[in-house]
Amino acid sequence: MKDLVRMKSSLTEEAEQLLNKQIKMEAKSSSTYLAMASWCDRNGFQYSANFFYQQSEEERVHMMKIFRYINNAGGVAVSPEITDVPVDFDSFKSIFEQALDQEIDVTRSINQIVDSCHKLKDYTTANFLQWFLQEQLEEENTARRCLELFSVINEENQGKFFIDQQIGKLRNYSPEEA
């Protein structure tokens, strides 16, 4: 029966594998953002904690969009095992540096999948992924804006407190959202 279902799917096995790999990447991002939120909470950065809680949820939503797409296209979406999620970070600023690196990695990965889909002539999946490419522009921009705050506001004395508040304003978060 599985082979019959596969024959009725326009999703190639190669595209399915790439998408399942992206599911894992999105899940790992979600878990990492959750760990960042916890670190921020433990260190008194409430606005940044809320920012990362929201980021974690967004990554989970991204994962689920891909998960459902695979299943709706007749493929088999795989729930990923996530390991090696950091629980401690070097500094407040290093969390945001890691967040930007993570978003850039996700953008590159999605670009590679789109490129593969074009080579496979899987234009339906390539079209589906256009939303993710636009989303990644926004995600990278937000991460860059957060890091810019560290350049504009000195971290010394009360600087971290002001940076934390400004990060909350990037998405209109408040500590009460927790």
N, C-alpha and C. Protein backbone atom coordinates (compact mmCIF):
# COMPACT_ATOMS: atom_id res chain seq x y z
N MET A 1 0.83 -1.20 0.00
CA MET A 1 0.00 0.00 0.00
C MET A 1 0.87 1.26 0.00
N LYS A 2 1.98 1.22 0.76
CA LYS A 2 2.85 2.39 0.84
C LYS A 2 3.37 2.79 -0.54
N ASP A 3 3.76 1.80 -1.34
CA ASP A 3 4.27 2.11 -2.68
C ASP A 3 3.19 2.73 -3.55
N LEU A 4 1.95 2.26 -3.41
CA LEU A 4 0.84 2.81 -4.17
C LEU A 4 0.61 4.27 -3.79
N VAL A 5 0.67 4.55 -2.49
CA VAL A 5 0.49 5.92 -2.03
C VAL A 5 1.62 6.79 -2.56
N ARG A 6 2.85 6.29 -2.53
CA ARG A 6 4.00 7.04 -3.03
C ARG A 6 3.83 7.33 -4.52
N MET A 7 3.31 6.39 -5.26
CA MET A 7 3.11 6.61 -6.68
C MET A 7 2.10 7.72 -6.94
N LYS A 8 1.20 7.93 -5.99
CA LYS A 8 0.17 8.94 -6.16
C LYS A 8 0.59 10.29 -5.57
N SER A 9 1.82 10.39 -5.16
CA SER A 9 2.33 11.63 -4.58
C SER A 9 3.20 12.36 -5.58
N SER A 10 3.04 13.66 -5.66
CA SER A 10 3.91 14.45 -6.52
C SER A 10 5.21 14.83 -5.80
N LEU A 11 5.26 14.56 -4.52
CA LEU A 11 6.45 14.87 -3.71
C LEU A 11 7.48 13.77 -3.92
N THR A 12 8.65 14.13 -4.40
CA THR A 12 9.70 13.13 -4.60
C THR A 12 10.29 12.73 -3.25
N GLU A 13 10.87 11.56 -3.22
CA GLU A 13 11.50 11.10 -1.98
C GLU A 13 12.64 12.04 -1.57
N GLU A 14 13.36 12.55 -2.55
CA GLU A 14 14.47 13.48 -2.25
C GLU A 14 13.94 14.76 -1.60
N ALA A 15 12.87 15.32 -2.15
CA ALA A 15 12.28 16.53 -1.56
C ALA A 15 11.74 16.23 -0.17
N GLU A 16 11.13 15.07 -0.01
CA GLU A 16 10.61 14.67 1.31
C GLU A 16 11.73 14.60 2.33
N GLN A 17 12.86 14.02 1.96
CA GLN A 17 14.00 13.93 2.86
C GLN A 17 14.53 15.31 3.25
N LEU A 18 14.63 16.17 2.25
CA LEU A 18 15.10 17.54 2.52
C LEU A 18 14.14 18.28 3.45
N LEU A 19 12.86 18.12 3.22
CA LEU A 19 11.86 18.78 4.07
C LEU A 19 11.88 18.21 5.49
N ASN A 20 12.06 16.90 5.62
CA ASN A 20 12.15 16.32 6.96
C ASN A 20 13.40 16.80 7.69
N LYS A 21 14.47 17.01 6.95
CA LYS A 21 15.69 17.58 7.54
C LYS A 21 15.41 19.01 8.02
N GLN A 22 14.62 19.76 7.23
CA GLN A 22 14.26 21.13 7.63
C GLN A 22 13.35 21.12 8.85
N ILE A 23 12.47 20.14 8.94
CA ILE A 23 11.62 20.00 10.14
C ILE A 23 12.51 19.89 11.36
N LYS A 24 13.53 19.07 11.27
CA LYS A 24 14.45 18.89 12.41
C LYS A 24 15.17 20.20 12.74
N MET A 25 15.57 20.93 11.70
CA MET A 25 16.26 22.20 11.92
C MET A 25 15.34 23.20 12.62
N GLU A 26 14.09 23.26 12.20
CA GLU A 26 13.12 24.17 12.82
C GLU A 26 12.85 23.75 14.27
N ALA A 27 12.75 22.45 14.52
CA ALA A 27 12.53 21.96 15.88
C ALA A 27 13.72 22.28 16.78
N LYS A 28 14.91 22.13 16.24
CA LYS A 28 16.12 22.45 17.02
C LYS A 28 16.16 23.95 17.31
N SER A 29 15.79 24.77 16.33
CA SER A 29 15.75 26.21 16.55
C SER A 29 14.74 26.55 17.64
N SER A 30 13.59 25.91 17.59
CA SER A 30 12.57 26.15 18.61
C SER A 30 13.09 25.80 20.00
N SER A 31 13.73 24.66 20.10
CA SER A 31 14.29 24.23 21.39
C SER A 31 15.40 25.14 21.87
N THR A 32 16.23 25.58 20.94
CA THR A 32 17.33 26.49 21.31
C THR A 32 16.78 27.83 21.79
N TYR A 33 15.77 28.36 21.09
CA TYR A 33 15.16 29.60 21.53
C TYR A 33 14.51 29.45 22.90
N LEU A 34 13.94 28.30 23.17
CA LEU A 34 13.35 28.05 24.48
C LEU A 34 14.44 28.06 25.55
N ALA A 35 15.59 27.47 25.24
CA ALA A 35 16.71 27.48 26.18
C ALA A 35 17.22 28.91 26.39
N MET A 36 17.24 29.70 25.33
CA MET A 36 17.65 31.10 25.44
C MET A 36 16.68 31.88 26.32
N ALA A 37 15.40 31.61 26.15
CA ALA A 37 14.37 32.26 26.98
C ALA A 37 14.58 31.92 28.45
N SER A 38 14.86 30.67 28.71
CA SER A 38 15.09 30.24 30.10
C SER A 38 16.31 30.94 30.68
N TRP A 39 17.40 31.02 29.91
CA TRP A 39 18.60 31.70 30.38
C TRP A 39 18.29 33.16 30.69
N CYS A 40 17.56 33.82 29.79
CA CYS A 40 17.20 35.22 30.01
C CYS A 40 16.34 35.37 31.26
N ASP A 41 15.39 34.48 31.44
CA ASP A 41 14.55 34.51 32.65
C ASP A 41 15.40 34.38 33.91
N ARG A 42 16.30 33.43 33.90
CA ARG A 42 17.16 33.19 35.07
C ARG A 42 18.08 34.37 35.37
N ASN A 43 18.39 35.15 34.35
CA ASN A 43 19.32 36.26 34.52
C ASN A 43 18.65 37.62 34.57
N GLY A 44 17.32 37.63 34.70
CA GLY A 44 16.60 38.88 34.91
C GLY A 44 16.27 39.68 33.67
N PHE A 45 16.38 39.09 32.50
CA PHE A 45 16.07 39.80 31.26
C PHE A 45 14.68 39.38 30.77
N GLN A 46 13.66 39.94 31.41
CA GLN A 46 12.28 39.50 31.16
C GLN A 46 11.81 39.78 29.74
N TYR A 47 12.12 40.93 29.21
CA TYR A 47 11.67 41.26 27.85
C TYR A 47 12.33 40.35 26.83
N SER A 48 13.60 40.11 27.01
CA SER A 48 14.32 39.21 26.11
C SER A 48 13.81 37.78 26.26
N ALA A 49 13.49 37.37 27.47
CA ALA A 49 12.92 36.04 27.69
C ALA A 49 11.62 35.91 26.89
N ASN A 50 10.76 36.91 26.98
CA ASN A 50 9.50 36.86 26.24
C ASN A 50 9.75 36.85 24.73
N PHE A 51 10.74 37.62 24.30
CA PHE A 51 11.12 37.65 22.89
C PHE A 51 11.48 36.24 22.43
N PHE A 52 12.31 35.55 23.21
CA PHE A 52 12.74 34.20 22.82
C PHE A 52 11.64 33.15 22.98
N TYR A 53 10.75 33.33 23.95
CA TYR A 53 9.59 32.42 24.03
C TYR A 53 8.77 32.52 22.75
N GLN A 54 8.58 33.75 22.27
CA GLN A 54 7.83 33.96 21.03
C GLN A 54 8.58 33.37 19.83
N GLN A 55 9.89 33.58 19.80
CA GLN A 55 10.70 33.00 18.72
C GLN A 55 10.58 31.48 18.71
N SER A 56 10.62 30.87 19.89
CA SER A 56 10.50 29.43 20.00
C SER A 56 9.17 28.95 19.41
N GLU A 57 8.11 29.64 19.74
CA GLU A 57 6.79 29.27 19.23
C GLU A 57 6.71 29.45 17.72
N GLU A 58 7.30 30.51 17.20
CA GLU A 58 7.30 30.73 15.75
C GLU A 58 8.02 29.61 15.01
N GLU A 59 9.14 29.17 15.56
CA GLU A 59 9.89 28.09 14.92
C GLU A 59 9.07 26.80 14.94
N ARG A 60 8.34 26.58 16.01
CA ARG A 60 7.48 25.39 16.07
C ARG A 60 6.37 25.48 15.02
N VAL A 61 5.81 26.67 14.83
CA VAL A 61 4.80 26.87 13.80
C VAL A 61 5.40 26.57 12.42
N HIS A 62 6.61 27.04 12.18
CA HIS A 62 7.28 26.77 10.90
C HIS A 62 7.45 25.27 10.70
N MET A 63 7.90 24.59 11.75
CA MET A 63 8.07 23.14 11.69
C MET A 63 6.75 22.46 11.32
N MET A 64 5.67 22.89 11.96
CA MET A 64 4.37 22.26 11.72
C MET A 64 3.85 22.53 10.31
N LYS A 65 4.15 23.70 9.76
CA LYS A 65 3.74 23.99 8.38
C LYS A 65 4.38 22.99 7.42
N ILE A 66 5.65 22.75 7.60
CA ILE A 66 6.36 21.81 6.74
C ILE A 66 5.86 20.38 7.00
N PHE A 67 5.67 20.05 8.24
CA PHE A 67 5.18 18.73 8.63
C PHE A 67 3.85 18.42 7.93
N ARG A 68 2.94 19.36 8.01
CA ARG A 68 1.62 19.17 7.39
C ARG A 68 1.72 19.14 5.86
N TYR A 69 2.60 19.97 5.31
CA TYR A 69 2.77 19.98 3.86
C TYR A 69 3.18 18.59 3.36
N ILE A 70 4.18 18.00 4.01
CA ILE A 70 4.65 16.67 3.61
C ILE A 70 3.50 15.67 3.64
N ASN A 71 2.78 15.63 4.75
CA ASN A 71 1.68 14.67 4.87
C ASN A 71 0.58 14.95 3.85
N ASN A 72 0.25 16.21 3.64
CA ASN A 72 -0.79 16.57 2.67
C ASN A 72 -0.38 16.23 1.23
N ALA A 73 0.92 16.21 0.98
CA ALA A 73 1.42 15.90 -0.36
C ALA A 73 1.59 14.38 -0.56
N GLY A 74 1.20 13.60 0.44
CA GLY A 74 1.29 12.15 0.32
C GLY A 74 2.60 11.57 0.81
N GLY A 75 3.41 12.39 1.43
CA GLY A 75 4.68 11.92 1.97
C GLY A 75 4.53 11.48 3.42
N VAL A 76 5.67 11.26 4.06
CA VAL A 76 5.69 10.85 5.46
C VAL A 76 6.55 11.84 6.24
N ALA A 77 5.89 12.67 7.03
CA ALA A 77 6.62 13.61 7.89
C ALA A 77 7.10 12.85 9.12
N VAL A 78 8.32 13.17 9.53
CA VAL A 78 8.93 12.47 10.66
C VAL A 78 9.12 13.44 11.82
N SER A 79 8.64 13.02 12.99
CA SER A 79 8.84 13.81 14.20
C SER A 79 10.30 13.65 14.63
N PRO A 80 11.04 14.76 14.68
CA PRO A 80 12.48 14.64 14.90
C PRO A 80 12.87 14.48 16.37
N GLU A 81 13.99 13.82 16.56
CA GLU A 81 14.60 13.75 17.88
C GLU A 81 15.57 14.92 17.98
N ILE A 82 15.44 15.70 19.03
CA ILE A 82 16.29 16.87 19.21
C ILE A 82 17.24 16.63 20.38
N THR A 83 18.51 16.79 20.13
CA THR A 83 19.53 16.62 21.16
C THR A 83 20.49 17.81 21.13
N ASP A 84 21.35 17.86 22.10
CA ASP A 84 22.42 18.85 22.17
C ASP A 84 21.92 20.29 22.17
N VAL A 85 20.83 20.54 22.87
CA VAL A 85 20.34 21.91 23.01
C VAL A 85 21.11 22.55 24.17
N PRO A 86 21.73 23.68 23.93
CA PRO A 86 22.50 24.32 25.01
C PRO A 86 21.57 24.80 26.12
N VAL A 87 22.08 24.80 27.34
CA VAL A 87 21.29 25.32 28.46
C VAL A 87 21.94 26.54 29.09
N ASP A 88 23.19 26.78 28.74
CA ASP A 88 23.89 27.93 29.27
C ASP A 88 24.58 28.66 28.12
N PHE A 89 24.73 29.96 28.30
CA PHE A 89 25.30 30.80 27.25
C PHE A 89 26.37 31.70 27.85
N ASP A 90 27.31 32.13 27.02
CA ASP A 90 28.45 32.91 27.50
C ASP A 90 28.06 34.28 28.04
N SER A 91 27.11 34.93 27.36
CA SER A 91 26.73 36.28 27.77
C SER A 91 25.39 36.65 27.16
N PHE A 92 24.86 37.74 27.62
CA PHE A 92 23.60 38.27 27.09
C PHE A 92 23.75 38.53 25.59
N LYS A 93 24.81 39.20 25.21
CA LYS A 93 25.03 39.52 23.80
C LYS A 93 25.25 38.26 22.97
N SER A 94 25.95 37.28 23.51
CA SER A 94 26.25 36.07 22.73
C SER A 94 24.99 35.31 22.34
N ILE A 95 23.94 35.43 23.13
CA ILE A 95 22.67 34.78 22.79
C ILE A 95 22.13 35.36 21.49
N PHE A 96 22.19 36.66 21.36
CA PHE A 96 21.67 37.32 20.16
C PHE A 96 22.57 37.07 18.95
N GLU A 97 23.88 36.94 19.19
CA GLU A 97 24.78 36.58 18.11
C GLU A 97 24.45 35.17 17.61
N GLN A 98 24.21 34.27 18.54
CA GLN A 98 23.85 32.90 18.16
C GLN A 98 22.49 32.87 17.45
N ALA A 99 21.56 33.70 17.89
CA ALA A 99 20.24 33.75 17.26
C ALA A 99 20.37 34.19 15.79
N LEU A 100 21.19 35.20 15.53
CA LEU A 100 21.39 35.64 14.15
C LEU A 100 22.04 34.54 13.32
N ASP A 101 23.07 33.90 13.86
CA ASP A 101 23.72 32.81 13.13
C ASP A 101 22.72 31.69 12.81
N GLN A 102 21.87 31.40 13.77
CA GLN A 102 20.86 30.36 13.59
C GLN A 102 19.89 30.73 12.46
N GLU A 103 19.45 31.96 12.43
CA GLU A 103 18.53 32.41 11.38
C GLU A 103 19.19 32.38 10.01
N ILE A 104 20.45 32.76 9.94
CA ILE A 104 21.18 32.71 8.68
C ILE A 104 21.31 31.27 8.20
N ASP A 105 21.59 30.34 9.12
CA ASP A 105 21.67 28.92 8.76
C ASP A 105 20.34 28.41 8.21
N VAL A 106 19.24 28.82 8.84
CA VAL A 106 17.92 28.39 8.37
C VAL A 106 17.65 28.95 6.97
N THR A 107 17.99 30.21 6.75
CA THR A 107 17.80 30.81 5.42
C THR A 107 18.59 30.05 4.37
N ARG A 108 19.82 29.74 4.66
CA ARG A 108 20.66 28.99 3.71
C ARG A 108 20.05 27.62 3.43
N SER A 109 19.57 26.97 4.45
CA SER A 109 18.99 25.65 4.28
C SER A 109 17.75 25.69 3.39
N ILE A 110 16.89 26.65 3.62
CA ILE A 110 15.68 26.77 2.80
C ILE A 110 16.04 27.11 1.36
N ASN A 111 17.01 27.99 1.18
CA ASN A 111 17.48 28.29 -0.18
C ASN A 111 17.98 27.04 -0.89
N GLN A 112 18.71 26.20 -0.17
CA GLN A 112 19.22 24.96 -0.77
C GLN A 112 18.07 24.02 -1.15
N ILE A 113 17.04 23.96 -0.32
CA ILE A 113 15.89 23.10 -0.63
C ILE A 113 15.18 23.63 -1.88
N VAL A 114 14.99 24.94 -1.93
CA VAL A 114 14.34 25.53 -3.11
C VAL A 114 15.15 25.23 -4.36
N ASP A 115 16.45 25.38 -4.27
CA ASP A 115 17.32 25.08 -5.41
C ASP A 115 17.16 23.62 -5.83
N SER A 116 17.15 22.71 -4.87
CA SER A 116 16.97 21.28 -5.17
C SER A 116 15.60 21.03 -5.80
N CYS A 117 14.58 21.70 -5.30
CA CYS A 117 13.23 21.53 -5.85
C CYS A 117 13.18 21.97 -7.30
N HIS A 118 13.86 23.03 -7.64
CA HIS A 118 13.91 23.47 -9.04
C HIS A 118 14.60 22.42 -9.91
N LYS A 119 15.68 21.86 -9.40
CA LYS A 119 16.39 20.82 -10.15
C LYS A 119 15.53 19.57 -10.32
N LEU A 120 14.69 19.29 -9.30
CA LEU A 120 13.79 18.13 -9.35
C LEU A 120 12.50 18.43 -10.12
N LYS A 121 12.35 19.67 -10.53
CA LYS A 121 11.12 20.15 -11.19
C LYS A 121 9.91 19.99 -10.27
N ASP A 122 10.16 20.16 -8.98
CA ASP A 122 9.09 20.12 -7.97
C ASP A 122 8.73 21.57 -7.65
N TYR A 123 8.02 22.19 -8.56
CA TYR A 123 7.69 23.60 -8.44
C TYR A 123 6.64 23.85 -7.36
N THR A 124 5.84 22.85 -7.07
CA THR A 124 4.82 22.99 -6.01
C THR A 124 5.51 23.21 -4.67
N THR A 125 6.51 22.38 -4.38
CA THR A 125 7.23 22.53 -3.11
C THR A 125 8.05 23.81 -3.11
N ALA A 126 8.67 24.14 -4.23
CA ALA A 126 9.42 25.40 -4.32
C ALA A 126 8.50 26.58 -4.05
N ASN A 127 7.31 26.54 -4.59
CA ASN A 127 6.33 27.60 -4.36
C ASN A 127 5.91 27.65 -2.89
N PHE A 128 5.67 26.50 -2.30
CA PHE A 128 5.33 26.42 -0.87
C PHE A 128 6.40 27.09 -0.01
N LEU A 129 7.64 26.92 -0.38
CA LEU A 129 8.75 27.44 0.42
C LEU A 129 8.97 28.94 0.27
N GLN A 130 8.32 29.58 -0.69
CA GLN A 130 8.47 31.03 -0.88
C GLN A 130 8.09 31.80 0.38
N TRP A 131 7.04 31.35 1.06
CA TRP A 131 6.62 32.01 2.30
C TRP A 131 7.75 31.98 3.32
N PHE A 132 8.45 30.85 3.40
CA PHE A 132 9.55 30.70 4.36
C PHE A 132 10.71 31.64 4.02
N LEU A 133 10.98 31.80 2.73
CA LEU A 133 12.06 32.71 2.34
C LEU A 133 11.75 34.15 2.77
N GLN A 134 10.51 34.57 2.58
CA GLN A 134 10.11 35.92 3.01
C GLN A 134 10.18 36.04 4.54
N GLU A 135 9.73 35.01 5.21
CA GLU A 135 9.77 34.99 6.68
C GLU A 135 11.20 35.10 7.18
N GLN A 136 12.12 34.43 6.50
CA GLN A 136 13.51 34.47 6.94
C GLN A 136 14.13 35.86 6.80
N LEU A 137 13.71 36.61 5.80
CA LEU A 137 14.17 38.00 5.69
C LEU A 137 13.79 38.77 6.95
N GLU A 138 12.56 38.59 7.39
CA GLU A 138 12.09 39.26 8.60
C GLU A 138 12.83 38.77 9.84
N GLU A 139 13.04 37.46 9.92
CA GLU A 139 13.72 36.88 11.10
C GLU A 139 15.16 37.39 11.21
N GLU A 140 15.86 37.40 10.08
CA GLU A 140 17.24 37.89 10.10
C GLU A 140 17.28 39.37 10.45
N ASN A 141 16.38 40.14 9.90
CA ASN A 141 16.34 41.57 10.18
C ASN A 141 16.09 41.82 11.67
N THR A 142 15.17 41.10 12.26
CA THR A 142 14.89 41.26 13.68
C THR A 142 16.12 40.91 14.52
N ALA A 143 16.78 39.82 14.18
CA ALA A 143 17.98 39.42 14.92
C ALA A 143 19.09 40.48 14.80
N ARG A 144 19.22 41.05 13.61
CA ARG A 144 20.22 42.12 13.42
C ARG A 144 19.87 43.35 14.25
N ARG A 145 18.59 43.70 14.28
CA ARG A 145 18.14 44.86 15.07
C ARG A 145 18.47 44.65 16.55
N CYS A 146 18.26 43.45 17.03
CA CYS A 146 18.60 43.15 18.43
C CYS A 146 20.08 43.38 18.68
N LEU A 147 20.91 42.87 17.79
CA LEU A 147 22.36 43.03 17.97
C LEU A 147 22.79 44.49 17.84
N GLU A 148 22.11 45.25 17.00
CA GLU A 148 22.43 46.67 16.88
C GLU A 148 22.27 47.40 18.21
N LEU A 149 21.34 46.95 19.01
CA LEU A 149 21.13 47.59 20.31
C LEU A 149 22.38 47.50 21.18
N PHE A 150 23.12 46.41 21.06
CA PHE A 150 24.34 46.26 21.84
C PHE A 150 25.41 47.23 21.38
N SER A 151 25.37 47.61 20.11
CA SER A 151 26.33 48.59 19.59
C SER A 151 25.94 50.01 19.99
N VAL A 152 24.64 50.27 20.01
CA VAL A 152 24.14 51.62 20.30
C VAL A 152 24.13 51.91 21.80
N ILE A 153 23.76 50.90 22.58
CA ILE A 153 23.66 51.07 24.04
C ILE A 153 24.81 50.30 24.68
N ASN A 154 25.63 50.97 25.41
CA ASN A 154 26.74 50.33 26.11
C ASN A 154 26.19 49.37 27.16
N GLU A 155 26.76 48.17 27.22
CA GLU A 155 26.29 47.16 28.18
C GLU A 155 26.67 47.47 29.62
N GLU A 156 27.59 48.41 29.82
CA GLU A 156 28.05 48.73 31.17
C GLU A 156 26.92 49.31 32.02
N ASN A 157 27.06 49.19 33.31
CA ASN A 157 26.12 49.72 34.29
C ASN A 157 24.69 49.27 33.98
N GLN A 158 23.82 50.20 33.65
CA GLN A 158 22.42 49.86 33.40
C GLN A 158 22.14 49.54 31.93
N GLY A 159 23.17 49.46 31.13
CA GLY A 159 23.01 49.23 29.69
C GLY A 159 22.24 47.96 29.36
N LYS A 160 22.54 46.87 30.04
CA LYS A 160 21.84 45.61 29.76
C LYS A 160 20.34 45.75 30.06
N PHE A 161 20.02 46.49 31.11
CA PHE A 161 18.62 46.73 31.46
C PHE A 161 17.92 47.47 30.32
N PHE A 162 18.55 48.49 29.77
CA PHE A 162 17.95 49.27 28.69
C PHE A 162 17.88 48.46 27.38
N ILE A 163 18.91 47.65 27.13
CA ILE A 163 18.88 46.79 25.95
C ILE A 163 17.70 45.83 26.06
N ASP A 164 17.54 45.22 27.22
CA ASP A 164 16.43 44.29 27.44
C ASP A 164 15.09 44.97 27.17
N GLN A 165 14.91 46.18 27.66
CA GLN A 165 13.66 46.91 27.42
C GLN A 165 13.45 47.19 25.94
N GLN A 166 14.50 47.57 25.25
CA GLN A 166 14.38 47.88 23.82
C GLN A 166 14.05 46.63 23.00
N ILE A 167 14.60 45.51 23.39
CA ILE A 167 14.28 44.25 22.69
C ILE A 167 12.79 43.97 22.84
N GLY A 168 12.25 44.26 24.01
CA GLY A 168 10.81 44.10 24.21
C GLY A 168 10.00 44.97 23.27
N LYS A 169 10.50 46.13 22.95
CA LYS A 169 9.78 47.05 22.06
C LYS A 169 9.83 46.62 20.60
N LEU A 170 10.81 45.79 20.24
CA LEU A 170 10.90 45.35 18.85
C LEU A 170 9.66 44.57 18.42
N ARG A 171 9.01 43.96 19.37
CA ARG A 171 7.79 43.20 19.05
C ARG A 171 6.67 43.55 20.03
N ASN A 172 6.81 44.64 20.69
CA ASN A 172 5.79 45.09 21.65
C ASN A 172 5.49 44.05 22.73
N TYR A 173 6.53 43.42 23.24
CA TYR A 173 6.36 42.44 24.30
C TYR A 173 6.33 43.13 25.65
N SER A 174 5.78 42.47 26.60
CA SER A 174 5.85 42.91 27.98
C SER A 174 6.10 41.70 28.85
N PRO A 175 6.70 41.87 30.02
CA PRO A 175 6.97 40.72 30.88
C PRO A 175 5.69 39.97 31.29
N GLU A 176 4.56 40.63 31.20
CA GLU A 176 3.30 40.01 31.61
C GLU A 176 2.84 38.94 30.62
N GLU A 177 3.44 38.86 29.42
CA GLU A 177 3.04 37.87 28.43
C GLU A 177 3.45 36.47 28.80
N ALA A 178 4.32 36.33 29.77
CA ALA A 178 4.84 35.01 30.13
C ALA A 178 3.76 34.08 30.63
